Structure formats: C-alpha cells, structure tokens
Amino acid sequence: MNLKLKITRELRDSWQSRALAGSNDLMWRVVLSVLAFNFPDALLVLLKITYPSFAGLKRPLILGGATVARDGKVMAQVMKDGATEPEWEPIFYSQEQLGYEFRKLADRLKFDDVQRIEMISAVQAWIVADLRIDHMGRKLAS
C-alpha cells in the first residue's frame, strides 16, 4: 500500500472525518466549526478526504469559537445566506445540551475512549468565553 493511500485511509478513519461524515444539519455545522477552530490548517484536506467530490462550503456557517452567554446559552457568530456580516445566534440552550449532542454523536459512531476524549477536548477549546464568569473567575449572578 502506498503512503498516500495509507494516510488517506487513516484520516478517513479519524474521529474528525467520521464526525463530519456522521452528522448532519446543525450538528454538521457545529462539528465543522469545532474542526475549523481547532485544526484550521488541516480543514481543507480533511474535507476533501471525507468528501472526495468536495467543491466548497455553503452558508449558513458558524464562524470562530463559541461563547456561553450570561443566560447559559451557547452562542456563536453565524454567517447566513446573503448576509455581509455574521450575527450572534444561540446554537445550544446550554453547555449540557452541547455535551449531550456530542456524546450522542460519539455513541452513534462508536468512538473509542481516546476518540471521545479528543473530540470533547476540541469542543471545550471551541468555547472561548463564558460570560457567566468574571475576569477573576467568580461566577456572576444571573
């Protein structure tokens, strides 16, 4: 087996490729955003390996990292069809819902423990701010 084929097969078997291929709709957009945030240099290769006929992304797209709002909702900037500026939108009602959806995805795709840990670590890194906590690390009253 040549090296290129071996690397392609390994990437296709990675949790990143499997999560993309195994999700749809909103969850696919969230997985894409998590991967773009954590692996920006590898995203295009990952998309081309996961989807051999990949020709580009379509809106709406979730941009950058997510923020937990003061009310607990997981928010992100979304670039919608025809828009020139992204808008902040709630993606999940809570961090618990976010975690539940990713656990459900990992269960359905039969991820092993290492894949689960890597995926959840990437999701945690994707959350760049928690507005329920002040600059000193104290929880704010909501």
C-alpha atoms as a PDB file:
ATOM      1  CA  MET A   1       0.000   0.000   0.000  1.00  0.00           C
ATOM      2  CA  ASN A   2       1.466   3.361  -0.910  1.00  0.00           C
ATOM      3  CA  LEU A   3       1.939   6.075   1.692  1.00  0.00           C
ATOM      4  CA  LYS A   4      -0.681   8.448   0.246  1.00  0.00           C
ATOM      5  CA  LEU A   5      -3.359   5.751   0.344  1.00  0.00           C
ATOM      6  CA  LYS A   6      -2.406   4.807   3.900  1.00  0.00           C
ATOM      7  CA  ILE A   7      -2.587   8.426   5.103  1.00  0.00           C
ATOM      8  CA  THR A   8      -5.913   8.922   3.324  1.00  0.00           C
ATOM      9  CA  ARG A   9      -7.344   5.819   4.992  1.00  0.00           C
ATOM     10  CA  GLU A  10      -6.053   6.921   8.431  1.00  0.00           C
ATOM     11  CA  LEU A  11      -7.569  10.380   8.023  1.00  0.00           C
ATOM     12  CA  ARG A  12     -10.876   8.921   6.863  1.00  0.00           C
ATOM     13  CA  ASP A  13     -10.888   6.720   9.996  1.00  0.00           C
ATOM     14  CA  SER A  14     -10.105   9.663  12.304  1.00  0.00           C
ATOM     15  CA  TRP A  15     -12.751  10.940  14.690  1.00  0.00           C
ATOM     16  CA  GLN A  16     -12.681  14.249  12.821  1.00  0.00           C
ATOM     17  CA  SER A  17     -13.629  12.728   9.463  1.00  0.00           C
ATOM     18  CA  ARG A  18     -16.096  10.303  10.997  1.00  0.00           C
ATOM     19  CA  ALA A  19     -17.800  13.113  12.970  1.00  0.00           C
ATOM     20  CA  LEU A  20     -18.197  15.183   9.803  1.00  0.00           C
ATOM     21  CA  ALA A  21     -19.489  12.266   7.758  1.00  0.00           C
ATOM     22  CA  GLY A  22     -21.752  11.050  10.559  1.00  0.00           C
ATOM     23  CA  SER A  23     -23.520  14.301  11.367  1.00  0.00           C
ATOM     24  CA  ASN A  24     -25.980  16.494   9.512  1.00  0.00           C
ATOM     25  CA  ASP A  25     -27.763  19.831   9.620  1.00  0.00           C
ATOM     26  CA  LEU A  26     -26.933  21.936  12.684  1.00  0.00           C
ATOM     27  CA  MET A  27     -24.695  19.303  14.214  1.00  0.00           C
ATOM     28  CA  TRP A  28     -22.650  19.106  10.994  1.00  0.00           C
ATOM     29  CA  ARG A  29     -22.180  22.890  11.089  1.00  0.00           C
ATOM     30  CA  VAL A  30     -21.092  22.749  14.730  1.00  0.00           C
ATOM     31  CA  VAL A  31     -18.650  19.887  14.042  1.00  0.00           C
ATOM     32  CA  LEU A  32     -17.278  21.852  11.091  1.00  0.00           C
ATOM     33  CA  SER A  33     -16.841  24.955  13.259  1.00  0.00           C
ATOM     34  CA  VAL A  34     -15.129  22.962  16.040  1.00  0.00           C
ATOM     35  CA  LEU A  35     -12.747  21.439  13.499  1.00  0.00           C
ATOM     36  CA  ALA A  36     -12.083  24.779  11.768  1.00  0.00           C
ATOM     37  CA  PHE A  37     -11.315  26.365  15.136  1.00  0.00           C
ATOM     38  CA  ASN A  38      -9.029  23.583  16.355  1.00  0.00           C
ATOM     39  CA  PHE A  39      -7.427  22.421  13.092  1.00  0.00           C
ATOM     40  CA  PRO A  40      -7.527  25.379  10.680  1.00  0.00           C
ATOM     41  CA  ASP A  41      -4.559  24.241   8.597  1.00  0.00           C
ATOM     42  CA  ALA A  42      -5.916  20.718   8.146  1.00  0.00           C
ATOM     43  CA  LEU A  43      -9.575  21.527   7.475  1.00  0.00           C
ATOM     44  CA  LEU A  44      -9.460  21.684   3.688  1.00  0.00           C
ATOM     45  CA  VAL A  45      -7.575  18.375   3.446  1.00  0.00           C
ATOM     46  CA  LEU A  46      -9.984  16.794   5.922  1.00  0.00           C
ATOM     47  CA  LEU A  47     -12.995  17.969   3.908  1.00  0.00           C
ATOM     48  CA  LYS A  48     -11.526  16.679   0.642  1.00  0.00           C
ATOM     49  CA  ILE A  49     -10.723  13.292   2.180  1.00  0.00           C
ATOM     50  CA  THR A  50     -14.125  12.984   3.879  1.00  0.00           C
ATOM     51  CA  TYR A  51     -15.997  14.171   0.783  1.00  0.00           C
ATOM     52  CA  PRO A  52     -13.967  13.289  -2.352  1.00  0.00           C
ATOM     53  CA  SER A  53     -16.200  15.496  -4.521  1.00  0.00           C
ATOM     54  CA  PHE A  54     -15.924  18.467  -2.114  1.00  0.00           C
ATOM     55  CA  ALA A  55     -16.333  21.726  -4.027  1.00  0.00           C
ATOM     56  CA  GLY A  56     -16.812  24.290  -1.268  1.00  0.00           C
ATOM     57  CA  LEU A  57     -18.909  25.232   1.753  1.00  0.00           C
ATOM     58  CA  LYS A  58     -22.411  26.659   1.701  1.00  0.00           C
ATOM     59  CA  ARG A  59     -23.955  29.046   4.182  1.00  0.00           C
ATOM     60  CA  PRO A  60     -25.080  29.246   6.878  1.00  0.00           C
ATOM     61  CA  LEU A  61     -21.680  28.763   8.529  1.00  0.00           C
ATOM     62  CA  ILE A  62     -20.726  29.027  12.182  1.00  0.00           C
ATOM     63  CA  LEU A  63     -17.629  31.202  12.468  1.00  0.00           C
ATOM     64  CA  GLY A  64     -14.931  31.141  15.144  1.00  0.00           C
ATOM     65  CA  GLY A  65     -15.303  29.949  18.685  1.00  0.00           C
ATOM     66  CA  ALA A  66     -18.437  29.842  20.808  1.00  0.00           C
ATOM     67  CA  THR A  67     -19.374  31.900  23.852  1.00  0.00           C
ATOM     68  CA  VAL A  68     -21.533  30.895  26.796  1.00  0.00           C
ATOM     69  CA  ALA A  69     -23.914  33.818  27.332  1.00  0.00           C
ATOM     70  CA  ARG A  70     -24.974  35.045  30.786  1.00  0.00           C
ATOM     71  CA  ASP A  71     -28.212  33.053  30.437  1.00  0.00           C
ATOM     72  CA  GLY A  72     -26.184  29.861  29.767  1.00  0.00           C
ATOM     73  CA  LYS A  73     -26.893  29.568  26.039  1.00  0.00           C
ATOM     74  CA  VAL A  74     -24.017  28.561  23.787  1.00  0.00           C
ATOM     75  CA  MET A  75     -23.780  31.352  21.221  1.00  0.00           C
ATOM     76  CA  ALA A  76     -21.736  31.712  18.051  1.00  0.00           C
ATOM     77  CA  GLN A  77     -21.466  34.006  15.091  1.00  0.00           C
ATOM     78  CA  VAL A  78     -23.376  32.683  12.099  1.00  0.00           C
ATOM     79  CA  MET A  79     -22.891  33.868   8.533  1.00  0.00           C
ATOM     80  CA  LYS A  80     -26.224  33.392   6.796  1.00  0.00           C
ATOM     81  CA  ASP A  81     -27.066  33.233   3.114  1.00  0.00           C
ATOM     82  CA  GLY A  82     -26.811  36.670   1.535  1.00  0.00           C
ATOM     83  CA  ALA A  83     -25.524  38.328   4.706  1.00  0.00           C
ATOM     84  CA  THR A  84     -22.468  40.560   4.696  1.00  0.00           C
ATOM     85  CA  GLU A  85     -21.917  40.386   8.457  1.00  0.00           C
ATOM     86  CA  PRO A  86     -22.236  37.443  10.837  1.00  0.00           C
ATOM     87  CA  GLU A  87     -24.879  37.532  13.582  1.00  0.00           C
ATOM     88  CA  TRP A  88     -24.679  36.125  17.106  1.00  0.00           C
ATOM     89  CA  GLU A  89     -27.148  33.268  17.477  1.00  0.00           C
ATOM     90  CA  PRO A  90     -27.881  30.671  20.139  1.00  0.00           C
ATOM     91  CA  ILE A  91     -26.624  27.287  18.947  1.00  0.00           C
ATOM     92  CA  PHE A  92     -27.495  25.264  22.065  1.00  0.00           C
ATOM     93  CA  TYR A  93     -29.656  26.124  25.064  1.00  0.00           C
ATOM     94  CA  SER A  94     -26.866  25.111  27.463  1.00  0.00           C
ATOM     95  CA  GLN A  95     -23.422  23.566  27.722  1.00  0.00           C
ATOM     96  CA  GLU A  96     -25.188  20.432  28.922  1.00  0.00           C
ATOM     97  CA  GLN A  97     -27.123  20.208  25.656  1.00  0.00           C
ATOM     98  CA  LEU A  98     -23.885  20.740  23.708  1.00  0.00           C
ATOM     99  CA  GLY A  99     -22.194  17.920  25.622  1.00  0.00           C
ATOM    100  CA  TYR A 100     -25.226  15.657  25.231  1.00  0.00           C
ATOM    101  CA  GLU A 101     -25.310  16.121  21.446  1.00  0.00           C
ATOM    102  CA  PHE A 102     -21.608  15.305  21.117  1.00  0.00           C
ATOM    103  CA  ARG A 103     -21.918  12.268  23.414  1.00  0.00           C
ATOM    104  CA  LYS A 104     -24.849  11.068  21.321  1.00  0.00           C
ATOM    105  CA  LEU A 105     -22.757  11.514  18.150  1.00  0.00           C
ATOM    106  CA  ALA A 106     -19.843   9.599  19.698  1.00  0.00           C
ATOM    107  CA  ASP A 107     -22.187   6.783  20.783  1.00  0.00           C
ATOM    108  CA  ARG A 108     -23.775   6.510  17.340  1.00  0.00           C
ATOM    109  CA  LEU A 109     -20.373   6.456  15.622  1.00  0.00           C
ATOM    110  CA  LYS A 110     -18.989   4.018  18.228  1.00  0.00           C
ATOM    111  CA  PHE A 111     -15.992   6.169  19.136  1.00  0.00           C
ATOM    112  CA  ASP A 112     -13.455   4.575  21.451  1.00  0.00           C
ATOM    113  CA  ASP A 113     -12.369   6.329  24.657  1.00  0.00           C
ATOM    114  CA  VAL A 114      -9.412   8.096  23.043  1.00  0.00           C
ATOM    115  CA  GLN A 115     -11.578   9.452  20.218  1.00  0.00           C
ATOM    116  CA  ARG A 116     -14.203  10.649  22.700  1.00  0.00           C
ATOM    117  CA  ILE A 117     -11.617  12.435  24.833  1.00  0.00           C
ATOM    118  CA  GLU A 118     -10.026  14.106  21.798  1.00  0.00           C
ATOM    119  CA  MET A 119     -13.402  15.215  20.452  1.00  0.00           C
ATOM    120  CA  ILE A 120     -14.640  16.594  23.784  1.00  0.00           C
ATOM    121  CA  SER A 121     -11.309  18.400  24.287  1.00  0.00           C
ATOM    122  CA  ALA A 122     -11.760  20.056  20.889  1.00  0.00           C
ATOM    123  CA  VAL A 123     -15.333  21.052  21.792  1.00  0.00           C
ATOM    124  CA  GLN A 124     -14.157  22.517  25.111  1.00  0.00           C
ATOM    125  CA  ALA A 125     -11.432  24.509  23.326  1.00  0.00           C
ATOM    126  CA  TRP A 126     -14.079  25.816  20.901  1.00  0.00           C
ATOM    127  CA  ILE A 127     -15.804  27.590  23.803  1.00  0.00           C
ATOM    128  CA  VAL A 128     -13.642  30.684  24.051  1.00  0.00           C
ATOM    129  CA  ALA A 129     -15.603  32.703  26.612  1.00  0.00           C
ATOM    130  CA  ASP A 130     -18.065  32.178  29.440  1.00  0.00           C
ATOM    131  CA  LEU A 131     -19.882  35.400  30.241  1.00  0.00           C
ATOM    132  CA  ARG A 132     -21.256  33.861  33.443  1.00  0.00           C
ATOM    133  CA  ILE A 133     -17.768  34.151  34.966  1.00  0.00           C
ATOM    134  CA  ASP A 134     -15.934  37.430  35.610  1.00  0.00           C
ATOM    135  CA  HIS A 135     -12.261  38.167  34.942  1.00  0.00           C
ATOM    136  CA  MET A 136     -11.370  36.920  38.445  1.00  0.00           C
ATOM    137  CA  GLY A 137     -13.026  33.552  37.879  1.00  0.00           C
ATOM    138  CA  ARG A 138     -16.048  34.295  40.041  1.00  0.00           C
ATOM    139  CA  LYS A 139     -19.497  33.196  38.910  1.00  0.00           C
ATOM    140  CA  LEU A 140     -21.706  36.182  38.190  1.00  0.00           C
ATOM    141  CA  ALA A 141     -25.267  36.362  39.440  1.00  0.00           C
ATOM    142  CA  SER A 142     -27.713  35.688  36.631  1.00  0.00           C
END
